[in-house]
Each structure stands twice: as C-alpha cells, then as structure tokens.
Amino acid sequence: MFDKLFNTAKYSDFVLITFLAGCLLWAVVYVFVIRDIIKRKDVGIPIIAVAGNFAWEFYWGLSIFMKTDMGLAFQWAYFIWFFLDCFIVYSTFKYGWKQDVDASEKRNHVFVTALCILVWGALLYFFIPQFDDHIGAFTGWIVNVNMSLAFVLQKVKQPEFGTNRLVAVLKLMGTGLCTTVVYYNLRENTTLVALCYIFAILDLIYIYMVFTGPKHLVPKVAGK
C-alpha cells in the first residue's frame, strides 16, 4: 500500500516529502482564499490565474490524460486542489467583477472569465498529451508563471487587491517546495528550470508589493 501512495523507486524520500509539503501548502493557500471570499465577498486570485489553475487541475486532478507517477498521495492532492478550486471558480463568476476598474469591464466579466477558462482548457488539452511530463510539472509551471505575473499586474492595477500576506508568502513557499522534483528529476528540461526561476522572482516582487502596500480595503465597485 505504501508503494502505491509514494513512488520511492523513482523519487527520493526528500523529493517526495518536500513535494507533498508544497502540495499541502497550496491547499492551505486555497483555504485562506476561500475564507477571504466568504468574509469579504471578493476573490484574491486574478481571473486569468483562476482560469489557468482550474484548467490544469481539471485535467490532472481528474486524471483525464494521465496520473502522476509520484503515487496516489499526490494524485489525491491534485484532486483536492481541483475540488477547492471549484468554489473559487464559482466565486470568480460571482465576485470577479470587483477586480475590474471600469464599468465596461465589470459588465463583461462573466464572458471574460468563461473565455479565459475555455482558452486555457483548449491550450492544455493539446499541450499536455504531447509535451507534458509524468507529474504535470511543465504545464504546471507555465500556469504558475502566468499566475505570478497576473498577481503582480493586478496589484499594480488595483492596489487594494491581494492584501493577505499569508497567501502571498505561502504561494511562493508551496511552489518553491515543489521545485525540488524539478531540480532532482526534471532538470534536463531547461525551459522548465527557467520557469521555476521566473515564477520565484515574480512572487518575490508580489510579496514586496503586498507587504509595502495598503492593508485590506473594500475594492471600489462604482459603475457596477
């Protein structure tokens, strides 16, 4: 049973432990985001990032094309991400307009959100079977770089966005711990390694912006 949970034949104990810790930290990030949604009625993840996450988790969490070869424990972690993200996606359709800064964007936010999910879904549908590895790292870090950039740009556009410091820090730590599998097992993919550095730089920029920016404010909703 243990061998089914953790693939110790291919991955070292250190890689398995740190990768699983990163997965669990991301689940904690989602819990904090969901708590803020319920409390504040807004979504602390940019719309484009929600779309990319959901598309990736749909394919990997539900094993549409393949299962991770790290073991069942990690497949369950992917599914937990997908399960939690379903509520975040629902909330994005409901409250995502608060991330927009003018009336026309607010009116079209449902269409834009749906379009983003469909575009990411289509891209990953064709990309994963042909180019992805056995844990979804390549597409996962493509999505992560998109997410990290989206956080920074959203913070520039809307300073009152993203004031939860725990989300900012744990997001970096979660993906950072998961990079152990890249450096120990997938480092021959130099593009993937580059993506790891890019996401980390962007996340550090975002953390700086969160810690030096305003504390939580209710996003402006005029023009809705």
C-alpha atoms as a PDB file:
ATOM      1  CA  MET A   1       0.000   0.000   0.000  1.00  0.00           C
ATOM      2  CA  PHE A   2       2.851   2.396   0.850  1.00  0.00           C
ATOM      3  CA  ASP A   3       4.397   1.814  -2.588  1.00  0.00           C
ATOM      4  CA  LYS A   4       1.121   2.884  -4.178  1.00  0.00           C
ATOM      5  CA  LEU A   5       0.997   6.061  -2.111  1.00  0.00           C
ATOM      6  CA  PHE A   6       4.625   7.053  -2.733  1.00  0.00           C
ATOM      7  CA  ASN A   7       6.798   6.053  -5.700  1.00  0.00           C
ATOM      8  CA  THR A   8      10.056   5.541  -3.831  1.00  0.00           C
ATOM      9  CA  ALA A   9      11.502   3.568  -6.739  1.00  0.00           C
ATOM     10  CA  LYS A  10      11.748   6.680  -8.930  1.00  0.00           C
ATOM     11  CA  TYR A  11      11.778   9.571  -6.439  1.00  0.00           C
ATOM     12  CA  SER A  12      13.897  10.056  -3.315  1.00  0.00           C
ATOM     13  CA  ASP A  13      12.310  10.409   0.098  1.00  0.00           C
ATOM     14  CA  PHE A  14      13.444  14.035   0.222  1.00  0.00           C
ATOM     15  CA  VAL A  15      11.750  14.855  -3.082  1.00  0.00           C
ATOM     16  CA  LEU A  16       8.539  13.077  -2.098  1.00  0.00           C
ATOM     17  CA  ILE A  17       8.349  14.773   1.300  1.00  0.00           C
ATOM     18  CA  THR A  18       9.117  18.286   0.059  1.00  0.00           C
ATOM     19  CA  PHE A  19       6.846  17.986  -2.966  1.00  0.00           C
ATOM     20  CA  LEU A  20       3.979  16.756  -0.803  1.00  0.00           C
ATOM     21  CA  ALA A  21       4.616  19.595   1.653  1.00  0.00           C
ATOM     22  CA  GLY A  22       4.359  22.034  -1.260  1.00  0.00           C
ATOM     23  CA  CYS A  23       1.099  20.446  -2.357  1.00  0.00           C
ATOM     24  CA  LEU A  24      -0.322  20.760   1.143  1.00  0.00           C
ATOM     25  CA  LEU A  25       0.778  24.396   1.404  1.00  0.00           C
ATOM     26  CA  TRP A  26      -1.099  25.148  -1.809  1.00  0.00           C
ATOM     27  CA  ALA A  27      -4.202  23.535  -0.306  1.00  0.00           C
ATOM     28  CA  VAL A  28      -3.759  25.879   2.670  1.00  0.00           C
ATOM     29  CA  VAL A  29      -3.485  28.841   0.279  1.00  0.00           C
ATOM     30  CA  TYR A  30      -6.804  27.823  -1.267  1.00  0.00           C
ATOM     31  CA  VAL A  31      -8.391  27.567   2.176  1.00  0.00           C
ATOM     32  CA  PHE A  32      -7.238  31.111   3.020  1.00  0.00           C
ATOM     33  CA  VAL A  33      -8.532  32.379  -0.323  1.00  0.00           C
ATOM     34  CA  ILE A  34     -11.894  30.689   0.264  1.00  0.00           C
ATOM     35  CA  ARG A  35     -12.061  32.118   3.794  1.00  0.00           C
ATOM     36  CA  ASP A  36     -11.474  35.606   2.392  1.00  0.00           C
ATOM     37  CA  ILE A  37     -14.121  35.038  -0.283  1.00  0.00           C
ATOM     38  CA  ILE A  38     -16.697  34.145   2.344  1.00  0.00           C
ATOM     39  CA  LYS A  39     -15.660  37.016   4.618  1.00  0.00           C
ATOM     40  CA  ARG A  40     -15.058  39.806   2.095  1.00  0.00           C
ATOM     41  CA  LYS A  41     -17.099  38.743  -0.952  1.00  0.00           C
ATOM     42  CA  ASP A  42     -14.164  39.149  -3.325  1.00  0.00           C
ATOM     43  CA  VAL A  43     -11.615  36.779  -4.885  1.00  0.00           C
ATOM     44  CA  GLY A  44      -7.933  37.108  -4.002  1.00  0.00           C
ATOM     45  CA  ILE A  45      -6.684  35.399  -7.164  1.00  0.00           C
ATOM     46  CA  PRO A  46      -6.663  37.208 -10.538  1.00  0.00           C
ATOM     47  CA  ILE A  47      -9.239  35.940 -13.024  1.00  0.00           C
ATOM     48  CA  ILE A  48      -6.677  34.783 -15.604  1.00  0.00           C
ATOM     49  CA  ALA A  49      -4.850  32.848 -12.879  1.00  0.00           C
ATOM     50  CA  VAL A  50      -8.066  31.198 -11.672  1.00  0.00           C
ATOM     51  CA  ALA A  51      -8.751  30.096 -15.251  1.00  0.00           C
ATOM     52  CA  GLY A  52      -5.300  28.578 -15.762  1.00  0.00           C
ATOM     53  CA  ASN A  53      -5.354  26.813 -12.397  1.00  0.00           C
ATOM     54  CA  PHE A  54      -8.787  25.347 -12.974  1.00  0.00           C
ATOM     55  CA  ALA A  55      -7.955  24.068 -16.458  1.00  0.00           C
ATOM     56  CA  TRP A  56      -4.756  22.392 -15.227  1.00  0.00           C
ATOM     57  CA  GLU A  57      -6.428  20.885 -12.168  1.00  0.00           C
ATOM     58  CA  PHE A  58      -9.334  19.637 -14.270  1.00  0.00           C
ATOM     59  CA  TYR A  59      -7.010  17.560 -16.449  1.00  0.00           C
ATOM     60  CA  TRP A  60      -4.564  16.425 -13.779  1.00  0.00           C
ATOM     61  CA  GLY A  61      -6.894  16.287 -10.769  1.00  0.00           C
ATOM     62  CA  LEU A  62      -9.368  14.109 -12.635  1.00  0.00           C
ATOM     63  CA  SER A  63      -6.661  12.124 -14.487  1.00  0.00           C
ATOM     64  CA  ILE A  64      -8.077  12.995 -17.908  1.00  0.00           C
ATOM     65  CA  PHE A  65      -4.881  12.153 -19.786  1.00  0.00           C
ATOM     66  CA  MET A  66      -2.607  10.521 -17.207  1.00  0.00           C
ATOM     67  CA  LYS A  67      -1.978  10.164 -13.500  1.00  0.00           C
ATOM     68  CA  THR A  68       1.072  11.481 -11.709  1.00  0.00           C
ATOM     69  CA  ASP A  69       3.669   8.755 -11.296  1.00  0.00           C
ATOM     70  CA  MET A  70       4.712  10.030  -7.852  1.00  0.00           C
ATOM     71  CA  GLY A  71       1.993   7.970  -6.163  1.00  0.00           C
ATOM     72  CA  LEU A  72      -1.630   8.057  -5.088  1.00  0.00           C
ATOM     73  CA  ALA A  73      -0.962  10.566  -2.305  1.00  0.00           C
ATOM     74  CA  PHE A  74      -0.036  13.150  -4.914  1.00  0.00           C
ATOM     75  CA  GLN A  75      -2.940  12.279  -7.171  1.00  0.00           C
ATOM     76  CA  TRP A  76      -5.250  12.892  -4.227  1.00  0.00           C
ATOM     77  CA  ALA A  77      -3.503  16.216  -3.621  1.00  0.00           C
ATOM     78  CA  TYR A  78      -4.188  17.226  -7.232  1.00  0.00           C
ATOM     79  CA  PHE A  79      -7.836  16.279  -6.774  1.00  0.00           C
ATOM     80  CA  ILE A  80      -8.089  18.282  -3.543  1.00  0.00           C
ATOM     81  CA  TRP A  81      -6.790  21.315  -5.452  1.00  0.00           C
ATOM     82  CA  PHE A  82      -9.455  20.782  -8.102  1.00  0.00           C
ATOM     83  CA  PHE A  83     -12.188  20.324  -5.503  1.00  0.00           C
ATOM     84  CA  LEU A  84     -11.264  23.524  -3.659  1.00  0.00           C
ATOM     85  CA  ASP A  85     -10.820  25.417  -6.911  1.00  0.00           C
ATOM     86  CA  CYS A  86     -14.404  24.635  -7.957  1.00  0.00           C
ATOM     87  CA  PHE A  87     -15.629  27.007  -5.245  1.00  0.00           C
ATOM     88  CA  ILE A  88     -13.053  29.624  -6.240  1.00  0.00           C
ATOM     89  CA  VAL A  89     -14.190  29.439  -9.883  1.00  0.00           C
ATOM     90  CA  TYR A  90     -17.836  29.797  -8.841  1.00  0.00           C
ATOM     91  CA  SER A  91     -16.908  32.785  -6.695  1.00  0.00           C
ATOM     92  CA  THR A  92     -14.919  34.316  -9.554  1.00  0.00           C
ATOM     93  CA  PHE A  93     -18.025  34.340 -11.724  1.00  0.00           C
ATOM     94  CA  LYS A  94     -19.952  35.895  -8.835  1.00  0.00           C
ATOM     95  CA  TYR A  95     -17.445  38.406  -7.453  1.00  0.00           C
ATOM     96  CA  GLY A  96     -14.709  38.636 -10.092  1.00  0.00           C
ATOM     97  CA  TRP A  97     -16.105  41.912 -11.444  1.00  0.00           C
ATOM     98  CA  LYS A  98     -14.593  43.601  -8.392  1.00  0.00           C
ATOM     99  CA  GLN A  99     -11.165  43.073  -9.940  1.00  0.00           C
ATOM    100  CA  ASP A 100     -12.109  45.340 -12.867  1.00  0.00           C
ATOM    101  CA  VAL A 101     -11.603  49.073 -12.703  1.00  0.00           C
ATOM    102  CA  ASP A 102     -14.145  50.433 -15.172  1.00  0.00           C
ATOM    103  CA  ALA A 103     -17.828  49.852 -15.871  1.00  0.00           C
ATOM    104  CA  SER A 104     -17.433  48.110 -19.237  1.00  0.00           C
ATOM    105  CA  GLU A 105     -15.020  45.544 -17.791  1.00  0.00           C
ATOM    106  CA  LYS A 106     -17.389  44.872 -14.908  1.00  0.00           C
ATOM    107  CA  ARG A 107     -20.318  44.251 -17.255  1.00  0.00           C
ATOM    108  CA  ASN A 108     -18.347  41.737 -19.314  1.00  0.00           C
ATOM    109  CA  HIS A 109     -16.567  39.898 -16.519  1.00  0.00           C
ATOM    110  CA  VAL A 110     -18.666  36.704 -16.792  1.00  0.00           C
ATOM    111  CA  PHE A 111     -17.940  36.422 -20.506  1.00  0.00           C
ATOM    112  CA  VAL A 112     -14.245  37.189 -19.984  1.00  0.00           C
ATOM    113  CA  THR A 113     -13.947  34.652 -17.160  1.00  0.00           C
ATOM    114  CA  ALA A 114     -15.623  31.926 -19.217  1.00  0.00           C
ATOM    115  CA  LEU A 115     -13.452  32.765 -22.235  1.00  0.00           C
ATOM    116  CA  CYS A 116     -10.269  32.566 -20.166  1.00  0.00           C
ATOM    117  CA  ILE A 117     -11.231  29.127 -18.836  1.00  0.00           C
ATOM    118  CA  LEU A 118     -12.081  27.884 -22.333  1.00  0.00           C
ATOM    119  CA  VAL A 119      -8.840  29.204 -23.823  1.00  0.00           C
ATOM    120  CA  TRP A 120      -6.699  27.664 -21.079  1.00  0.00           C
ATOM    121  CA  GLY A 121      -8.673  24.437 -21.364  1.00  0.00           C
ATOM    122  CA  ALA A 122      -8.099  24.266 -25.118  1.00  0.00           C
ATOM    123  CA  LEU A 123      -4.384  25.071 -24.841  1.00  0.00           C
ATOM    124  CA  LEU A 124      -3.741  22.454 -22.168  1.00  0.00           C
ATOM    125  CA  TYR A 125      -5.913  19.888 -23.948  1.00  0.00           C
ATOM    126  CA  PHE A 126      -3.474  19.870 -26.849  1.00  0.00           C
ATOM    127  CA  PHE A 127      -0.305  20.646 -24.882  1.00  0.00           C
ATOM    128  CA  ILE A 128      -0.472  18.109 -22.047  1.00  0.00           C
ATOM    129  CA  PRO A 129      -0.599  14.860 -24.079  1.00  0.00           C
ATOM    130  CA  GLN A 130       2.236  15.920 -26.367  1.00  0.00           C
ATOM    131  CA  PHE A 131       4.647  17.908 -24.204  1.00  0.00           C
ATOM    132  CA  ASP A 132       3.945  17.355 -20.512  1.00  0.00           C
ATOM    133  CA  ASP A 133       5.898  15.122 -18.126  1.00  0.00           C
ATOM    134  CA  HIS A 134       4.573  12.453 -15.771  1.00  0.00           C
ATOM    135  CA  ILE A 135       3.686  14.831 -12.915  1.00  0.00           C
ATOM    136  CA  GLY A 136       2.374  17.781 -14.932  1.00  0.00           C
ATOM    137  CA  ALA A 137       5.325  19.962 -13.961  1.00  0.00           C
ATOM    138  CA  PHE A 138       5.923  21.596 -17.344  1.00  0.00           C
ATOM    139  CA  THR A 139       2.359  22.811 -17.778  1.00  0.00           C
ATOM    140  CA  GLY A 140       2.090  23.388 -14.031  1.00  0.00           C
ATOM    141  CA  TRP A 141       4.935  25.886 -14.041  1.00  0.00           C
ATOM    142  CA  ILE A 142       3.655  27.539 -17.208  1.00  0.00           C
ATOM    143  CA  VAL A 143       0.417  28.124 -15.308  1.00  0.00           C
ATOM    144  CA  ASN A 144       2.371  29.241 -12.230  1.00  0.00           C
ATOM    145  CA  VAL A 145       4.340  31.855 -14.168  1.00  0.00           C
ATOM    146  CA  ASN A 146       1.077  33.115 -15.677  1.00  0.00           C
ATOM    147  CA  MET A 147      -0.387  33.246 -12.172  1.00  0.00           C
ATOM    148  CA  SER A 148       2.576  35.037 -10.616  1.00  0.00           C
ATOM    149  CA  LEU A 149       2.613  37.636 -13.384  1.00  0.00           C
ATOM    150  CA  ALA A 150      -1.151  38.089 -13.068  1.00  0.00           C
ATOM    151  CA  PHE A 151      -0.831  38.750  -9.320  1.00  0.00           C
ATOM    152  CA  VAL A 152       1.783  41.452  -9.914  1.00  0.00           C
ATOM    153  CA  LEU A 153      -0.178  43.126 -12.718  1.00  0.00           C
ATOM    154  CA  GLN A 154      -3.437  43.015 -10.754  1.00  0.00           C
ATOM    155  CA  LYS A 155      -1.693  44.583  -7.766  1.00  0.00           C
ATOM    156  CA  VAL A 156      -0.364  47.374  -9.990  1.00  0.00           C
ATOM    157  CA  LYS A 157      -3.809  47.958 -11.499  1.00  0.00           C
ATOM    158  CA  GLN A 158      -5.670  47.710  -8.197  1.00  0.00           C
ATOM    159  CA  PRO A 159      -3.528  48.365  -5.091  1.00  0.00           C
ATOM    160  CA  GLU A 160      -6.352  47.261  -2.765  1.00  0.00           C
ATOM    161  CA  PHE A 161      -6.233  43.778  -4.323  1.00  0.00           C
ATOM    162  CA  GLY A 162      -4.352  40.975  -2.613  1.00  0.00           C
ATOM    163  CA  THR A 163      -3.642  42.177   0.916  1.00  0.00           C
ATOM    164  CA  ASN A 164      -3.454  38.717   2.512  1.00  0.00           C
ATOM    165  CA  ARG A 165       0.209  38.326   3.409  1.00  0.00           C
ATOM    166  CA  LEU A 166      -0.135  34.631   4.225  1.00  0.00           C
ATOM    167  CA  VAL A 167      -1.460  33.914   0.738  1.00  0.00           C
ATOM    168  CA  ALA A 168       1.452  35.809  -0.812  1.00  0.00           C
ATOM    169  CA  VAL A 169       4.107  34.005   1.245  1.00  0.00           C
ATOM    170  CA  LEU A 170       2.603  30.507   1.238  1.00  0.00           C
ATOM    171  CA  LYS A 171       2.053  30.689  -2.521  1.00  0.00           C
ATOM    172  CA  LEU A 172       5.797  31.157  -3.012  1.00  0.00           C
ATOM    173  CA  MET A 173       6.663  28.508  -0.434  1.00  0.00           C
ATOM    174  CA  GLY A 174       4.239  25.954  -1.874  1.00  0.00           C
ATOM    175  CA  THR A 175       5.509  26.166  -5.427  1.00  0.00           C
ATOM    176  CA  GLY A 176       9.062  26.611  -4.160  1.00  0.00           C
ATOM    177  CA  LEU A 177       8.957  23.306  -2.295  1.00  0.00           C
ATOM    178  CA  CYS A 178       7.512  21.600  -5.346  1.00  0.00           C
ATOM    179  CA  THR A 179      10.525  22.712  -7.377  1.00  0.00           C
ATOM    180  CA  THR A 180      12.595  20.031  -5.642  1.00  0.00           C
ATOM    181  CA  VAL A 181      11.276  17.470  -8.123  1.00  0.00           C
ATOM    182  CA  VAL A 182      12.351  19.743 -10.978  1.00  0.00           C
ATOM    183  CA  TYR A 183      15.939  20.065  -9.784  1.00  0.00           C
ATOM    184  CA  TYR A 184      16.342  16.421  -8.820  1.00  0.00           C
ATOM    185  CA  ASN A 185      14.348  14.627 -11.516  1.00  0.00           C
ATOM    186  CA  LEU A 186      13.411  17.014 -14.356  1.00  0.00           C
ATOM    187  CA  ARG A 187      16.326  19.449 -14.629  1.00  0.00           C
ATOM    188  CA  GLU A 188      17.141  18.270 -18.175  1.00  0.00           C
ATOM    189  CA  ASN A 189      14.154  20.394 -19.228  1.00  0.00           C
ATOM    190  CA  THR A 190      15.968  23.727 -19.150  1.00  0.00           C
ATOM    191  CA  THR A 191      12.811  25.625 -20.092  1.00  0.00           C
ATOM    192  CA  LEU A 192      11.106  24.213 -17.006  1.00  0.00           C
ATOM    193  CA  VAL A 193      14.050  25.229 -14.830  1.00  0.00           C
ATOM    194  CA  ALA A 194      13.872  28.755 -16.259  1.00  0.00           C
ATOM    195  CA  LEU A 195      10.158  28.890 -15.459  1.00  0.00           C
ATOM    196  CA  CYS A 196      10.980  27.988 -11.849  1.00  0.00           C
ATOM    197  CA  TYR A 197      13.293  30.990 -11.554  1.00  0.00           C
ATOM    198  CA  ILE A 198      10.829  33.326 -13.279  1.00  0.00           C
ATOM    199  CA  PHE A 199       7.924  32.372 -11.010  1.00  0.00           C
ATOM    200  CA  ALA A 200      10.108  32.853  -7.914  1.00  0.00           C
ATOM    201  CA  ILE A 201      11.235  36.332  -8.984  1.00  0.00           C
ATOM    202  CA  LEU A 202       7.660  37.395  -9.743  1.00  0.00           C
ATOM    203  CA  ASP A 203       6.402  36.003  -6.430  1.00  0.00           C
ATOM    204  CA  LEU A 204       9.092  37.887  -4.512  1.00  0.00           C
ATOM    205  CA  ILE A 205       8.040  41.084  -6.287  1.00  0.00           C
ATOM    206  CA  TYR A 206       4.414  40.398  -5.351  1.00  0.00           C
ATOM    207  CA  ILE A 207       5.311  39.720  -1.721  1.00  0.00           C
ATOM    208  CA  TYR A 208       7.156  43.038  -1.575  1.00  0.00           C
ATOM    209  CA  MET A 209       4.117  44.794  -3.060  1.00  0.00           C
ATOM    210  CA  VAL A 210       1.763  43.177  -0.531  1.00  0.00           C
ATOM    211  CA  PHE A 211       3.927  43.964   2.492  1.00  0.00           C
ATOM    212  CA  THR A 212       4.545  47.569   1.422  1.00  0.00           C
ATOM    213  CA  GLY A 213       1.072  48.220   0.027  1.00  0.00           C
ATOM    214  CA  PRO A 214      -2.186  49.180   1.730  1.00  0.00           C
ATOM    215  CA  LYS A 215      -3.921  46.963   4.211  1.00  0.00           C
ATOM    216  CA  HIS A 216      -7.250  45.471   3.213  1.00  0.00           C
ATOM    217  CA  LEU A 217      -9.669  47.873   1.604  1.00  0.00           C
ATOM    218  CA  VAL A 218     -13.022  47.092   0.052  1.00  0.00           C
ATOM    219  CA  PRO A 219     -12.445  47.139  -3.734  1.00  0.00           C
ATOM    220  CA  LYS A 220     -14.114  50.020  -5.499  1.00  0.00           C
ATOM    221  CA  VAL A 221     -17.392  48.936  -7.041  1.00  0.00           C
ATOM    222  CA  ALA A 222     -18.664  52.120  -8.615  1.00  0.00           C
ATOM    223  CA  GLY A 223     -20.100  51.563 -12.070  1.00  0.00           C
ATOM    224  CA  LYS A 224     -21.357  48.025 -11.438  1.00  0.00           C
END
